[in-house]
Amino acid sequence: MQAYENLAGNSGVEAYEILREGIRVRFNGGATYLYDYRIPGRVHVDEMKRLALAGRGLSTYIARFGGAYARRLD
């Protein structure tokens, strides 16, 4: 996984891994979730990927629009 840049300085996201059809996100505290094109859907996952690469806004986006996840991984 790649460390999340956290440009705003207050993110709950620690790291992420971009997958072909999804993204894994590890939050502060260690919980890791898989979001994929099935759940919550391609539009949301592609936006999560964009925000992860930008290093800003990922945690807020997930809280607002990506609450459904495909699977908890830990």
N, C-alpha and C. Protein backbone atom coordinates (compact mmCIF):
# COMPACT_ATOMS: atom_id res chain seq x y z
N MET A 1 0.84 -1.18 0.00
CA MET A 1 0.00 0.00 0.00
C MET A 1 0.89 1.24 0.00
N GLN A 2 0.34 2.29 -0.53
CA GLN A 2 1.06 3.56 -0.62
C GLN A 2 0.52 4.51 0.45
N ALA A 3 1.41 5.21 1.11
CA ALA A 3 0.99 6.18 2.12
C ALA A 3 0.15 7.28 1.47
N TYR A 4 -0.95 7.63 2.12
CA TYR A 4 -1.80 8.72 1.65
C TYR A 4 -1.13 10.04 2.00
N GLU A 5 -1.04 10.92 1.05
CA GLU A 5 -0.28 12.17 1.25
C GLU A 5 -0.91 13.09 2.30
N ASN A 6 -2.23 13.12 2.42
CA ASN A 6 -2.93 13.88 3.46
C ASN A 6 -2.53 15.35 3.48
N LEU A 7 -2.71 16.02 2.36
CA LEU A 7 -2.30 17.42 2.22
C LEU A 7 -3.06 18.36 3.15
N ALA A 8 -4.29 18.01 3.50
CA ALA A 8 -5.06 18.86 4.42
C ALA A 8 -4.61 18.66 5.87
N GLY A 9 -3.95 17.53 6.16
CA GLY A 9 -3.42 17.29 7.49
C GLY A 9 -4.39 16.73 8.50
N ASN A 10 -5.60 16.39 8.09
CA ASN A 10 -6.58 15.91 9.07
C ASN A 10 -7.37 14.71 8.57
N SER A 11 -6.80 13.93 7.68
CA SER A 11 -7.51 12.81 7.08
C SER A 11 -7.54 11.60 7.99
N GLY A 12 -8.59 10.82 7.86
CA GLY A 12 -8.68 9.54 8.54
C GLY A 12 -8.06 8.42 7.73
N VAL A 13 -7.59 8.73 6.53
CA VAL A 13 -6.97 7.73 5.66
C VAL A 13 -5.47 7.71 5.89
N GLU A 14 -4.93 6.51 6.02
CA GLU A 14 -3.50 6.31 6.23
C GLU A 14 -2.78 5.88 4.95
N ALA A 15 -3.41 4.96 4.20
CA ALA A 15 -2.78 4.41 3.00
C ALA A 15 -3.83 3.90 2.04
N TYR A 16 -3.41 3.66 0.80
CA TYR A 16 -4.33 3.15 -0.21
C TYR A 16 -3.56 2.31 -1.22
N GLU A 17 -4.31 1.49 -1.95
CA GLU A 17 -3.74 0.73 -3.05
C GLU A 17 -4.75 0.75 -4.19
N ILE A 18 -4.35 1.28 -5.31
CA ILE A 18 -5.23 1.35 -6.47
C ILE A 18 -5.17 0.02 -7.21
N LEU A 19 -6.33 -0.54 -7.46
CA LEU A 19 -6.48 -1.80 -8.18
C LEU A 19 -7.13 -1.52 -9.52
N ARG A 20 -7.09 -2.49 -10.42
CA ARG A 20 -7.69 -2.29 -11.73
C ARG A 20 -9.18 -1.94 -11.63
N GLU A 21 -9.91 -2.64 -10.78
CA GLU A 21 -11.35 -2.41 -10.66
C GLU A 21 -11.75 -2.04 -9.24
N GLY A 22 -10.85 -1.38 -8.52
CA GLY A 22 -11.18 -1.00 -7.16
C GLY A 22 -10.06 -0.25 -6.48
N ILE A 23 -10.24 -0.05 -5.19
CA ILE A 23 -9.23 0.60 -4.36
C ILE A 23 -9.33 0.03 -2.95
N ARG A 24 -8.17 -0.25 -2.35
CA ARG A 24 -8.10 -0.63 -0.94
C ARG A 24 -7.72 0.62 -0.18
N VAL A 25 -8.39 0.84 0.94
CA VAL A 25 -8.12 2.01 1.76
C VAL A 25 -7.90 1.56 3.20
N ARG A 26 -6.76 1.95 3.77
CA ARG A 26 -6.49 1.68 5.19
C ARG A 26 -6.67 2.98 5.95
N PHE A 27 -7.50 2.93 6.97
CA PHE A 27 -7.79 4.10 7.78
C PHE A 27 -6.88 4.12 9.01
N ASN A 28 -6.74 5.28 9.62
CA ASN A 28 -6.01 5.40 10.88
C ASN A 28 -6.64 4.42 11.85
N GLY A 29 -5.85 3.69 12.55
CA GLY A 29 -6.35 2.66 13.44
C GLY A 29 -6.25 1.27 12.83
N GLY A 30 -5.98 1.19 11.51
CA GLY A 30 -5.68 -0.09 10.90
C GLY A 30 -6.76 -0.77 10.09
N ALA A 31 -8.01 -0.35 10.19
CA ALA A 31 -9.07 -1.00 9.43
C ALA A 31 -8.85 -0.76 7.93
N THR A 32 -8.94 -1.83 7.15
CA THR A 32 -8.74 -1.74 5.70
C THR A 32 -10.00 -2.23 5.00
N TYR A 33 -10.42 -1.47 4.00
CA TYR A 33 -11.64 -1.78 3.25
C TYR A 33 -11.36 -1.81 1.77
N LEU A 34 -12.09 -2.69 1.09
CA LEU A 34 -12.05 -2.75 -0.37
C LEU A 34 -13.31 -2.10 -0.91
N TYR A 35 -13.12 -1.18 -1.82
CA TYR A 35 -14.21 -0.55 -2.58
C TYR A 35 -14.00 -0.95 -4.03
N ASP A 36 -15.03 -1.47 -4.69
CA ASP A 36 -14.81 -1.91 -6.06
C ASP A 36 -15.94 -1.45 -6.98
N TYR A 37 -15.81 -1.81 -8.25
CA TYR A 37 -16.77 -1.35 -9.25
C TYR A 37 -18.16 -1.94 -9.02
N ARG A 38 -18.25 -2.98 -8.21
CA ARG A 38 -19.55 -3.54 -7.87
C ARG A 38 -20.18 -2.75 -6.72
N ILE A 39 -19.42 -2.55 -5.66
CA ILE A 39 -19.88 -1.81 -4.49
C ILE A 39 -18.76 -0.89 -4.04
N PRO A 40 -18.90 0.38 -4.04
CA PRO A 40 -20.08 1.23 -4.24
C PRO A 40 -20.36 1.61 -5.69
N GLY A 41 -19.55 1.12 -6.63
CA GLY A 41 -19.79 1.42 -8.04
C GLY A 41 -18.63 2.16 -8.67
N ARG A 42 -18.58 2.06 -9.99
CA ARG A 42 -17.46 2.61 -10.76
C ARG A 42 -17.29 4.11 -10.58
N VAL A 43 -18.38 4.86 -10.61
CA VAL A 43 -18.29 6.32 -10.50
C VAL A 43 -17.63 6.71 -9.18
N HIS A 44 -18.06 6.09 -8.08
CA HIS A 44 -17.50 6.42 -6.77
C HIS A 44 -16.05 5.95 -6.66
N VAL A 45 -15.76 4.76 -7.12
CA VAL A 45 -14.40 4.23 -7.02
C VAL A 45 -13.42 5.05 -7.85
N ASP A 46 -13.83 5.42 -9.05
CA ASP A 46 -12.93 6.24 -9.88
C ASP A 46 -12.64 7.59 -9.22
N GLU A 47 -13.64 8.16 -8.56
CA GLU A 47 -13.41 9.41 -7.84
C GLU A 47 -12.50 9.18 -6.64
N MET A 48 -12.67 8.06 -5.93
CA MET A 48 -11.78 7.74 -4.82
C MET A 48 -10.34 7.59 -5.30
N LYS A 49 -10.15 6.96 -6.44
CA LYS A 49 -8.80 6.81 -7.00
C LYS A 49 -8.20 8.18 -7.30
N ARG A 50 -8.99 9.05 -7.90
CA ARG A 50 -8.51 10.39 -8.23
C ARG A 50 -8.10 11.15 -6.98
N LEU A 51 -8.93 11.09 -5.95
CA LEU A 51 -8.65 11.79 -4.70
C LEU A 51 -7.44 11.20 -3.98
N ALA A 52 -7.30 9.88 -4.03
CA ALA A 52 -6.14 9.23 -3.41
C ALA A 52 -4.85 9.73 -4.05
N LEU A 53 -4.83 9.78 -5.35
CA LEU A 53 -3.63 10.25 -6.06
C LEU A 53 -3.37 11.73 -5.79
N ALA A 54 -4.43 12.50 -5.61
CA ALA A 54 -4.29 13.93 -5.33
C ALA A 54 -3.84 14.18 -3.89
N GLY A 55 -4.07 13.22 -2.99
CA GLY A 55 -3.66 13.37 -1.60
C GLY A 55 -4.56 14.26 -0.78
N ARG A 56 -5.78 14.47 -1.23
CA ARG A 56 -6.69 15.38 -0.53
C ARG A 56 -8.14 15.01 -0.82
N GLY A 57 -8.96 14.93 0.24
CA GLY A 57 -10.39 14.77 0.08
C GLY A 57 -10.93 13.35 0.11
N LEU A 58 -10.06 12.35 0.22
CA LEU A 58 -10.53 10.97 0.14
C LEU A 58 -11.40 10.58 1.33
N SER A 59 -10.98 10.87 2.52
CA SER A 59 -11.76 10.51 3.70
C SER A 59 -13.13 11.19 3.70
N THR A 60 -13.16 12.45 3.35
CA THR A 60 -14.44 13.18 3.29
C THR A 60 -15.35 12.58 2.24
N TYR A 61 -14.80 12.25 1.08
CA TYR A 61 -15.60 11.66 0.01
C TYR A 61 -16.19 10.32 0.45
N ILE A 62 -15.38 9.49 1.07
CA ILE A 62 -15.87 8.19 1.54
C ILE A 62 -16.97 8.38 2.57
N ALA A 63 -16.81 9.32 3.47
CA ALA A 63 -17.83 9.57 4.48
C ALA A 63 -19.15 10.01 3.85
N ARG A 64 -19.07 10.77 2.77
CA ARG A 64 -20.29 11.29 2.13
C ARG A 64 -20.92 10.32 1.16
N PHE A 65 -20.09 9.64 0.34
CA PHE A 65 -20.64 8.89 -0.79
C PHE A 65 -20.21 7.43 -0.85
N GLY A 66 -19.20 7.04 -0.13
CA GLY A 66 -18.66 5.68 -0.29
C GLY A 66 -18.83 4.81 0.90
N GLY A 67 -19.86 5.02 1.69
CA GLY A 67 -20.05 4.26 2.91
C GLY A 67 -20.22 2.78 2.68
N ALA A 68 -20.78 2.41 1.53
CA ALA A 68 -20.91 0.99 1.19
C ALA A 68 -19.57 0.51 0.66
N TYR A 69 -19.10 -0.60 1.17
CA TYR A 69 -17.83 -1.15 0.70
C TYR A 69 -18.05 -2.61 0.34
N ALA A 70 -17.18 -3.11 -0.53
CA ALA A 70 -17.31 -4.49 -0.99
C ALA A 70 -16.95 -5.47 0.13
N ARG A 71 -15.89 -5.12 0.90
CA ARG A 71 -15.43 -6.07 1.91
C ARG A 71 -14.47 -5.39 2.88
N ARG A 72 -14.56 -5.78 4.15
CA ARG A 72 -13.56 -5.36 5.13
C ARG A 72 -12.45 -6.40 5.08
N LEU A 73 -11.21 -5.95 5.04
CA LEU A 73 -10.10 -6.87 4.79
C LEU A 73 -9.28 -7.24 6.01
N ASP A 74 -9.55 -6.67 7.15
CA ASP A 74 -8.73 -7.03 8.31
C ASP A 74 -9.52 -7.72 9.38
